[in-house]
N, C-alpha and C. Protein backbone atom coordinates (compact mmCIF):
# COMPACT_ATOMS: atom_id res chain seq x y z
N MET A 1 49.69 43.60 3.00
CA MET A 1 49.71 43.57 0.52
C MET A 1 49.62 44.50 0.33
N THR A 2 50.47 44.73 -0.71
CA THR A 2 50.26 46.02 -2.09
C THR A 2 50.46 44.61 -2.90
N ILE A 3 48.99 45.68 -3.63
CA ILE A 3 48.41 45.71 -5.00
C ILE A 3 48.16 46.48 -5.82
N ILE A 4 49.28 46.17 -6.44
CA ILE A 4 48.75 47.60 -8.11
C ILE A 4 48.12 46.95 -9.51
N VAL A 5 46.97 47.14 -9.48
CA VAL A 5 46.63 46.36 -10.45
C VAL A 5 45.30 47.91 -10.95
N PRO A 6 45.91 47.77 -12.32
CA PRO A 6 46.07 49.06 -13.10
C PRO A 6 44.04 48.39 -13.86
N PRO A 7 43.38 50.04 -13.86
CA PRO A 7 41.99 49.17 -14.33
C PRO A 7 41.58 48.19 -16.07
N ASN A 8 43.02 48.31 -16.54
CA ASN A 8 42.80 47.80 -18.38
C ASN A 8 43.41 45.68 -17.72
N ASN A 9 43.58 45.49 -15.60
CA ASN A 9 44.83 44.45 -16.60
C ASN A 9 45.14 44.15 -16.78
N GLN A 10 46.15 44.73 -17.12
CA GLN A 10 47.59 44.25 -17.89
C GLN A 10 48.58 44.32 -17.24
N GLN A 11 48.35 44.92 -15.56
CA GLN A 11 49.75 44.22 -15.02
C GLN A 11 49.22 44.49 -13.65
N ARG A 12 49.81 43.41 -13.20
CA ARG A 12 49.59 43.39 -11.15
C ARG A 12 51.22 43.30 -11.09
N ILE A 13 51.08 44.01 -9.50
CA ILE A 13 52.22 44.42 -8.91
C ILE A 13 51.87 44.45 -7.50
N SER A 14 52.21 43.67 -6.63
CA SER A 14 51.73 42.38 -5.68
C SER A 14 53.31 42.48 -4.36
N ILE A 15 52.96 43.28 -3.03
CA ILE A 15 54.37 43.11 -2.75
C ILE A 15 53.38 42.45 -0.69
N GLN A 16 53.79 41.45 -0.76
CA GLN A 16 52.61 40.51 0.18
C GLN A 16 53.50 39.57 1.18
N LYS A 17 53.01 39.30 2.62
CA LYS A 17 53.37 38.43 3.33
C LYS A 17 53.19 36.99 3.15
N GLU A 18 51.68 37.17 2.16
CA GLU A 18 50.90 35.83 1.87
C GLU A 18 51.96 35.04 0.72
N ASP A 19 51.64 33.42 0.49
CA ASP A 19 52.30 33.00 -0.33
C ASP A 19 50.71 32.84 -1.19
N PHE A 20 51.92 32.76 -2.75
CA PHE A 20 50.62 32.90 -3.78
C PHE A 20 50.90 31.15 -4.82
N ASN A 21 49.78 31.46 -4.95
CA ASN A 21 49.79 29.88 -5.54
C ASN A 21 50.09 29.71 -7.22
N LEU A 22 50.39 29.64 -7.95
CA LEU A 22 51.32 29.44 -9.22
C LEU A 22 50.42 28.95 -9.81
N GLY A 23 49.77 28.12 -9.77
CA GLY A 23 48.30 27.77 -11.27
C GLY A 23 47.45 28.51 -11.45
N ASP A 24 47.02 29.42 -9.60
CA ASP A 24 46.37 30.59 -9.90
C ASP A 24 46.57 31.73 -10.67
N GLU A 25 47.85 31.94 -10.44
CA GLU A 25 48.83 32.91 -11.40
C GLU A 25 48.56 32.78 -12.82
N VAL A 26 48.67 31.39 -12.96
CA VAL A 26 49.04 31.48 -14.13
C VAL A 26 47.39 31.93 -14.61
N ALA A 27 46.38 31.19 -13.78
CA ALA A 27 45.22 31.15 -14.97
C ALA A 27 44.76 32.44 -14.89
N LEU A 28 44.84 33.37 -14.41
CA LEU A 28 45.16 34.93 -14.13
C LEU A 28 45.57 35.67 -15.63
N LEU A 29 46.55 34.95 -15.90
CA LEU A 29 47.54 35.71 -17.10
C LEU A 29 46.25 35.42 -18.31
N GLU A 30 46.17 34.08 -18.30
CA GLU A 30 45.10 33.02 -19.02
C GLU A 30 44.15 33.82 -19.65
N ALA A 31 43.62 33.74 -18.08
CA ALA A 31 41.69 34.22 -18.51
C ALA A 31 41.27 35.57 -19.26
N ASP A 32 40.74 35.02 -20.11
CA ASP A 32 40.15 35.68 -21.15
C ASP A 32 41.34 36.42 -22.15
N ASN A 33 42.44 36.04 -22.43
CA ASN A 33 43.18 36.77 -22.80
C ASN A 33 43.44 35.57 -24.17
N HIS A 34 42.54 35.59 -25.37
CA HIS A 34 42.44 35.23 -26.73
C HIS A 34 43.61 36.57 -27.71
N GLU A 35 43.80 36.85 -26.88
CA GLU A 35 45.48 37.98 -28.04
C GLU A 35 46.78 37.38 -28.19
N ASP A 36 47.69 36.40 -26.98
CA ASP A 36 48.81 36.52 -26.91
C ASP A 36 49.00 34.49 -26.52
N GLY A 37 49.74 34.82 -27.49
CA GLY A 37 49.86 33.35 -27.68
C GLY A 37 51.41 32.80 -26.41
N ALA A 38 51.26 33.63 -25.90
CA ALA A 38 53.38 33.45 -25.02
C ALA A 38 52.90 33.63 -23.66
N ILE A 39 52.38 32.50 -22.70
CA ILE A 39 53.40 33.01 -21.17
C ILE A 39 54.18 32.05 -21.08
N VAL A 40 54.97 33.28 -19.63
CA VAL A 40 56.88 32.51 -19.87
C VAL A 40 56.26 33.09 -18.43
N THR A 41 56.72 32.53 -17.15
CA THR A 41 56.36 32.79 -15.82
C THR A 41 57.98 32.42 -15.45
N PHE A 42 58.77 32.76 -14.32
CA PHE A 42 59.13 32.44 -13.59
C PHE A 42 58.70 32.27 -11.54
N SER A 43 59.80 31.58 -10.74
CA SER A 43 59.10 31.67 -9.73
C SER A 43 60.78 31.47 -9.17
N GLY A 44 60.87 32.39 -7.94
CA GLY A 44 62.00 31.83 -7.00
C GLY A 44 61.57 31.49 -5.58
N ARG A 45 62.71 30.64 -5.77
CA ARG A 45 62.18 29.98 -3.50
C ARG A 45 63.86 29.89 -2.92
N VAL A 46 62.93 29.84 -1.61
CA VAL A 46 64.43 29.39 -1.32
C VAL A 46 65.30 28.34 -1.32
N ARG A 47 66.41 28.66 -1.29
CA ARG A 47 67.23 27.06 -1.37
C ARG A 47 67.66 27.13 -0.36
N ASN A 48 68.51 25.89 0.27
CA ASN A 48 69.10 25.29 0.98
C ASN A 48 70.66 25.89 1.76
N LYS A 49 71.29 26.21 0.12
CA LYS A 49 72.84 26.81 0.49
C LYS A 49 72.39 27.97 -0.78
N ASN A 50 73.77 29.02 -0.31
CA ASN A 50 74.53 29.89 -0.88
C ASN A 50 75.95 30.81 -0.68
N LEU A 51 76.90 30.53 -1.33
CA LEU A 51 78.17 31.42 -0.70
C LEU A 51 78.50 30.03 -0.36
N GLY A 52 78.43 28.50 -0.04
CA GLY A 52 78.62 27.97 1.18
C GLY A 52 78.22 27.18 2.16
N LEU A 53 77.26 28.08 2.34
CA LEU A 53 76.63 28.56 3.90
C LEU A 53 75.63 27.40 3.88
N ASN A 54 75.42 26.39 4.52
CA ASN A 54 73.89 25.90 4.70
C ASN A 54 72.46 26.84 5.46
N VAL A 55 71.49 27.77 4.12
CA VAL A 55 70.78 28.71 4.75
C VAL A 55 69.29 27.43 5.16
N LYS A 56 68.77 28.10 6.29
CA LYS A 56 68.34 27.58 7.10
C LYS A 56 66.52 28.99 6.87
N GLY A 57 66.94 29.48 6.26
CA GLY A 57 65.31 30.59 5.46
C GLY A 57 66.26 32.14 5.70
N LEU A 58 65.36 32.67 5.04
CA LEU A 58 66.09 34.16 4.31
C LEU A 58 64.65 35.41 5.27
N TYR A 59 64.33 36.70 5.23
CA TYR A 59 63.87 37.47 5.51
C TYR A 59 64.20 39.04 5.01
N LEU A 60 62.93 39.15 4.49
CA LEU A 60 63.20 40.52 3.49
C LEU A 60 62.10 41.29 3.63
N GLU A 61 62.73 42.51 3.72
CA GLU A 61 61.97 43.48 3.95
C GLU A 61 61.95 44.35 2.67
N HIS A 62 61.38 45.60 2.60
CA HIS A 62 61.37 46.38 1.65
C HIS A 62 60.98 48.06 2.00
N TYR A 63 61.28 49.06 1.18
CA TYR A 63 60.96 50.17 1.48
C TYR A 63 59.02 50.73 0.45
N PRO A 64 58.26 50.91 2.07
CA PRO A 64 56.70 51.06 1.12
C PRO A 64 57.02 52.04 0.42
N GLY A 65 55.81 52.18 -1.00
CA GLY A 65 56.14 53.21 -2.14
C GLY A 65 56.90 53.01 -2.88
N MET A 66 58.42 52.97 -2.55
CA MET A 66 59.64 53.40 -2.85
C MET A 66 59.18 51.81 -4.28
N THR A 67 59.70 51.23 -3.83
CA THR A 67 59.49 49.44 -4.56
C THR A 67 58.80 49.47 -4.78
N GLU A 68 56.99 49.96 -4.69
CA GLU A 68 56.18 49.73 -5.98
C GLU A 68 56.24 50.31 -7.19
N LYS A 69 56.84 51.67 -6.76
CA LYS A 69 57.30 52.47 -8.13
C LYS A 69 58.20 52.30 -8.67
N SER A 70 59.47 51.44 -8.07
CA SER A 70 60.57 51.46 -8.55
C SER A 70 60.03 49.57 -9.87
N LEU A 71 58.96 48.54 -9.34
CA LEU A 71 59.03 47.55 -10.16
C LEU A 71 57.70 48.09 -11.01
N GLU A 72 56.90 49.41 -10.96
CA GLU A 72 56.85 50.50 -12.00
C GLU A 72 57.22 50.74 -12.86
N LYS A 73 58.46 51.08 -12.78
CA LYS A 73 59.25 51.87 -13.55
C LYS A 73 60.46 50.24 -14.46
N ILE A 74 60.28 49.39 -13.55
CA ILE A 74 60.76 47.59 -14.47
C ILE A 74 59.85 47.46 -15.66
N VAL A 75 58.66 47.52 -15.23
CA VAL A 75 57.58 46.84 -15.84
C VAL A 75 57.00 48.16 -17.34
N ASP A 76 57.23 49.37 -16.84
CA ASP A 76 57.21 50.44 -18.00
C ASP A 76 58.49 49.84 -19.35
N ASP A 77 58.86 49.77 -18.35
CA ASP A 77 60.27 49.70 -19.51
C ASP A 77 60.80 48.92 -20.46
N ALA A 78 60.50 47.25 -19.55
CA ALA A 78 59.83 46.32 -20.14
C ALA A 78 59.06 46.18 -21.85
N LYS A 79 58.24 47.15 -20.46
CA LYS A 79 56.66 46.99 -22.36
C LYS A 79 57.53 48.08 -23.63
N HIS A 80 58.76 49.04 -23.49
CA HIS A 80 59.28 50.07 -24.00
C HIS A 80 59.57 49.27 -25.19
N ARG A 81 60.55 47.76 -24.58
CA ARG A 81 60.89 47.69 -25.35
C ARG A 81 60.58 45.88 -26.02
N TRP A 82 59.33 45.97 -25.53
CA TRP A 82 58.24 44.20 -26.12
C TRP A 82 56.90 44.49 -26.27
N GLN A 83 56.64 43.24 -27.01
CA GLN A 83 55.32 44.34 -27.45
C GLN A 83 54.72 43.45 -26.79
N LEU A 84 54.17 43.40 -25.01
CA LEU A 84 53.79 42.82 -23.85
C LEU A 84 51.82 42.53 -23.97
N GLY A 85 51.91 41.65 -23.22
CA GLY A 85 50.60 41.99 -22.61
C GLY A 85 50.23 42.37 -21.58
N ARG A 86 49.65 40.70 -20.70
CA ARG A 86 49.49 41.38 -19.25
C ARG A 86 51.43 40.71 -18.41
N ILE A 87 50.99 41.63 -17.14
CA ILE A 87 52.48 40.93 -16.84
C ILE A 87 52.28 41.38 -15.34
N THR A 88 52.55 40.50 -14.66
CA THR A 88 52.62 40.32 -12.83
C THR A 88 53.56 39.84 -12.20
N ILE A 89 54.23 40.60 -11.07
CA ILE A 89 54.80 40.58 -10.78
C ILE A 89 55.01 40.06 -8.71
N ILE A 90 55.35 39.41 -8.22
CA ILE A 90 54.94 39.30 -6.87
C ILE A 90 56.39 38.64 -6.07
N HIS A 91 56.36 39.79 -4.76
CA HIS A 91 57.39 39.88 -4.02
C HIS A 91 57.02 39.61 -2.63
N ARG A 92 57.76 38.92 -2.40
CA ARG A 92 57.00 38.20 -0.34
C ARG A 92 57.72 38.81 -0.35
N ILE A 93 57.69 38.99 1.26
CA ILE A 93 58.28 39.80 2.03
C ILE A 93 58.10 39.17 3.38
N GLY A 94 59.13 39.85 4.22
CA GLY A 94 58.78 39.12 5.81
C GLY A 94 59.88 37.61 6.23
N GLN A 95 59.45 36.75 6.77
CA GLN A 95 60.14 35.19 7.77
C GLN A 95 59.52 34.40 6.03
N LEU A 96 61.11 34.08 5.32
CA LEU A 96 60.28 32.74 4.67
C LEU A 96 61.53 31.66 5.37
N TYR A 97 60.22 30.15 4.77
CA TYR A 97 62.38 29.60 4.89
C TYR A 97 62.28 28.36 3.93
N LEU A 98 62.98 27.52 4.18
CA LEU A 98 63.63 26.64 2.89
C LEU A 98 62.41 26.08 2.17
N GLY A 99 62.81 26.21 0.81
CA GLY A 99 61.72 25.70 0.18
C GLY A 99 60.41 26.86 -0.12
N GLU A 100 60.16 28.12 0.65
CA GLU A 100 59.17 28.66 0.35
C GLU A 100 59.59 29.73 -1.08
N GLN A 101 57.75 30.11 -1.93
CA GLN A 101 58.17 30.75 -2.90
C GLN A 101 58.50 32.37 -2.29
N ILE A 102 59.80 33.02 -3.61
CA ILE A 102 59.77 34.68 -2.86
C ILE A 102 59.09 35.36 -3.85
N VAL A 103 59.60 35.15 -5.53
CA VAL A 103 59.38 35.64 -6.76
C VAL A 103 57.89 35.17 -7.57
N PHE A 104 57.27 35.88 -7.98
CA PHE A 104 56.66 35.55 -8.89
C PHE A 104 56.48 36.55 -10.06
N VAL A 105 57.22 35.91 -11.86
CA VAL A 105 57.31 36.84 -12.22
C VAL A 105 56.20 36.25 -13.99
N GLY A 106 55.21 37.10 -13.92
CA GLY A 106 54.85 36.05 -15.66
C GLY A 106 54.06 37.68 -16.59
N VAL A 107 54.97 36.64 -17.85
CA VAL A 107 54.92 37.71 -19.17
C VAL A 107 54.00 37.17 -20.59
N THR A 108 52.99 38.22 -20.80
CA THR A 108 52.01 37.10 -21.41
C THR A 108 52.77 38.36 -22.60
N SER A 109 52.34 37.53 -24.09
CA SER A 109 53.31 38.22 -25.67
C SER A 109 52.55 37.73 -26.37
N LYS A 110 52.25 37.87 -27.62
CA LYS A 110 51.61 37.43 -28.79
C LYS A 110 52.85 36.26 -29.21
N HIS A 111 53.97 36.88 -29.50
CA HIS A 111 55.31 35.53 -29.41
C HIS A 111 56.20 34.92 -28.19
N ARG A 112 56.48 34.21 -28.24
CA ARG A 112 57.85 33.85 -27.76
C ARG A 112 58.27 34.41 -26.85
N GLN A 113 59.32 34.97 -28.23
CA GLN A 113 60.35 36.16 -27.53
C GLN A 113 60.39 36.75 -26.41
N ASP A 114 59.75 38.04 -27.06
CA ASP A 114 59.03 38.98 -26.95
C ASP A 114 58.52 38.55 -24.90
N ALA A 115 58.33 37.61 -24.72
CA ALA A 115 57.71 36.99 -23.44
C ALA A 115 58.93 36.76 -22.13
N PHE A 116 59.93 36.09 -23.07
CA PHE A 116 61.31 34.94 -22.54
C PHE A 116 61.11 36.07 -21.91
N ALA A 117 61.60 37.15 -22.97
CA ALA A 117 63.34 38.51 -22.92
C ALA A 117 62.37 39.19 -21.62
N ALA A 118 60.94 39.62 -21.63
CA ALA A 118 60.40 40.56 -21.17
C ALA A 118 61.12 40.29 -19.41
N THR A 119 60.48 38.55 -19.10
CA THR A 119 60.59 38.09 -17.96
C THR A 119 62.32 37.94 -17.27
N GLU A 120 63.32 37.87 -18.40
CA GLU A 120 64.38 37.64 -17.79
C GLU A 120 64.67 38.90 -17.24
N PHE A 121 64.49 40.71 -18.26
CA PHE A 121 64.47 41.68 -18.19
C PHE A 121 64.28 41.86 -16.52
N ILE A 122 62.77 41.86 -16.65
CA ILE A 122 61.76 42.10 -15.19
C ILE A 122 63.33 41.60 -13.93
N MET A 123 63.59 40.35 -13.74
CA MET A 123 63.97 39.43 -12.54
C MET A 123 65.86 40.40 -12.94
N ASP A 124 65.94 40.37 -13.95
CA ASP A 124 67.83 41.07 -13.94
C ASP A 124 67.31 42.10 -13.05
N PHE A 125 66.82 43.08 -12.60
CA PHE A 125 66.24 44.31 -12.89
C PHE A 125 65.24 44.41 -11.39
N LEU A 126 65.29 43.61 -10.98
CA LEU A 126 64.25 43.54 -10.02
C LEU A 126 65.37 43.55 -9.04
N LYS A 127 66.22 42.22 -8.95
CA LYS A 127 67.18 41.32 -8.66
C LYS A 127 68.31 42.87 -7.89
N VAL A 128 68.58 44.60 -8.88
CA VAL A 128 69.33 45.16 -8.20
C VAL A 128 68.98 45.82 -8.56
N ASN A 129 67.51 46.69 -8.71
CA ASN A 129 67.24 47.85 -8.54
C ASN A 129 66.17 47.92 -7.63
N ALA A 130 65.23 46.95 -7.41
CA ALA A 130 64.29 47.07 -6.37
C ALA A 130 64.21 47.33 -5.00
N PRO A 131 63.72 48.13 -3.78
CA PRO A 131 64.62 48.53 -3.23
C PRO A 131 63.75 47.35 -2.07
N PHE A 132 64.35 46.15 -2.03
CA PHE A 132 64.37 45.01 -1.37
C PHE A 132 65.55 44.82 -0.66
N TRP A 133 65.61 44.42 1.03
CA TRP A 133 66.56 43.78 1.38
C TRP A 133 66.24 42.36 1.88
N LYS A 134 67.34 41.82 1.70
CA LYS A 134 67.49 39.90 2.01
C LYS A 134 68.43 40.02 3.66
N LYS A 135 67.76 39.37 4.68
CA LYS A 135 68.93 38.71 5.57
C LYS A 135 68.54 38.00 5.38
N GLU A 136 69.76 36.47 5.32
CA GLU A 136 70.56 35.27 5.14
C GLU A 136 70.13 34.11 7.14
N LEU A 137 69.34 33.77 6.74
CA LEU A 137 69.65 33.17 7.88
C LEU A 137 70.27 31.76 7.72
N THR A 138 71.28 31.55 8.16
CA THR A 138 72.51 30.18 7.99
C THR A 138 72.53 29.72 9.50
N GLU A 139 73.44 28.52 9.29
CA GLU A 139 73.82 28.08 10.65
C GLU A 139 74.93 28.67 11.47
N GLN A 140 75.64 28.88 10.50
CA GLN A 140 76.36 30.14 10.51
C GLN A 140 76.04 31.81 11.24
N GLY A 141 74.21 31.50 11.15
CA GLY A 141 73.85 32.80 11.97
C GLY A 141 73.10 33.89 10.71
N GLU A 142 72.93 35.50 11.21
CA GLU A 142 72.58 36.15 10.26
C GLU A 142 73.17 37.45 9.59
N ASN A 143 72.98 37.78 8.85
CA ASN A 143 74.01 38.26 7.74
C ASN A 143 73.11 39.37 6.23
N TRP A 144 72.95 40.40 5.89
CA TRP A 144 72.56 40.94 4.96
C TRP A 144 72.82 40.80 3.60
N LEU A 145 72.39 40.40 2.78
CA LEU A 145 72.65 39.86 1.33
C LEU A 145 72.92 41.57 0.72
N GLU A 146 73.69 42.06 -0.45
CA GLU A 146 74.06 42.69 -1.12
C GLU A 146 73.38 42.45 -2.64
N ALA A 147 73.41 43.17 -3.57
CA ALA A 147 73.16 42.90 -4.61
C ALA A 147 74.96 41.80 -5.31
N ARG A 148 74.57 40.67 -5.91
CA ARG A 148 76.00 40.20 -6.18
C ARG A 148 76.81 40.98 -7.98
N SER A 149 77.66 41.44 -7.78
CA SER A 149 78.63 41.34 -8.71
C SER A 149 77.79 41.25 -10.21
N ILE A 150 77.61 39.01 -9.91
CA ILE A 150 77.17 38.97 -11.34
C ILE A 150 75.51 39.58 -11.66
N ASP A 151 74.85 39.47 -10.81
CA ASP A 151 73.06 40.62 -11.14
C ASP A 151 73.72 41.56 -11.47
N LYS A 152 74.40 42.23 -10.88
CA LYS A 152 74.35 44.08 -11.21
C LYS A 152 74.76 43.42 -12.60
N ASN A 153 76.30 42.74 -13.08
CA ASN A 153 76.60 42.73 -14.38
C ASN A 153 75.61 42.04 -15.49
N LYS A 154 74.69 41.34 -15.39
CA LYS A 154 73.82 40.77 -16.13
C LYS A 154 73.13 42.07 -16.67
N ALA A 155 72.28 42.42 -15.13
CA ALA A 155 71.71 43.92 -15.56
C ALA A 155 71.87 45.00 -16.58
N GLN A 156 72.99 44.96 -16.36
CA GLN A 156 73.92 45.78 -17.60
C GLN A 156 73.41 45.71 -18.00
N GLN A 157 74.31 44.29 -18.80
CA GLN A 157 74.20 43.27 -20.75
C GLN A 157 72.83 44.54 -21.27
N TRP A 158 71.24 45.00 -20.61
CA TRP A 158 70.45 44.97 -21.39
C TRP A 158 70.77 46.39 -21.44
N ASN A 159 72.32 47.04 -21.15
CA ASN A 159 72.07 48.15 -22.11
C ASN A 159 72.66 48.78 -23.29
């Protein structure tokens, strides 16, 4: 597990095999945080269908070191666009099965507009810029997935 926690506790990036608890993650964003009135979170899970195929699970890999730097850059870009408080990104790797959590993004801000926008921005860029590789396990076999054009287009809309 790779966890990056700066001394000011304003951002946390973790790439891990272990599952995470949504309630615990929200509690960490809230703990002793009296400055921010908004907390927005997103969590992604393994679903049972993709591109018309029945999915049994996923296998996720990453490029250690490069992945963390990529996520740090995405967070820095978000901080330059909006007034943000705390930011948490958790992305799981390894074998995941139906219904299991894959990713968590949590953002706090003084106001909801910044928190909502930053959460969406982080997810959009994580999907296309962070070096994660996803192998889908289906009833028809296994295949590596590439970033979809819809995800690339969504990220480009922020420019």
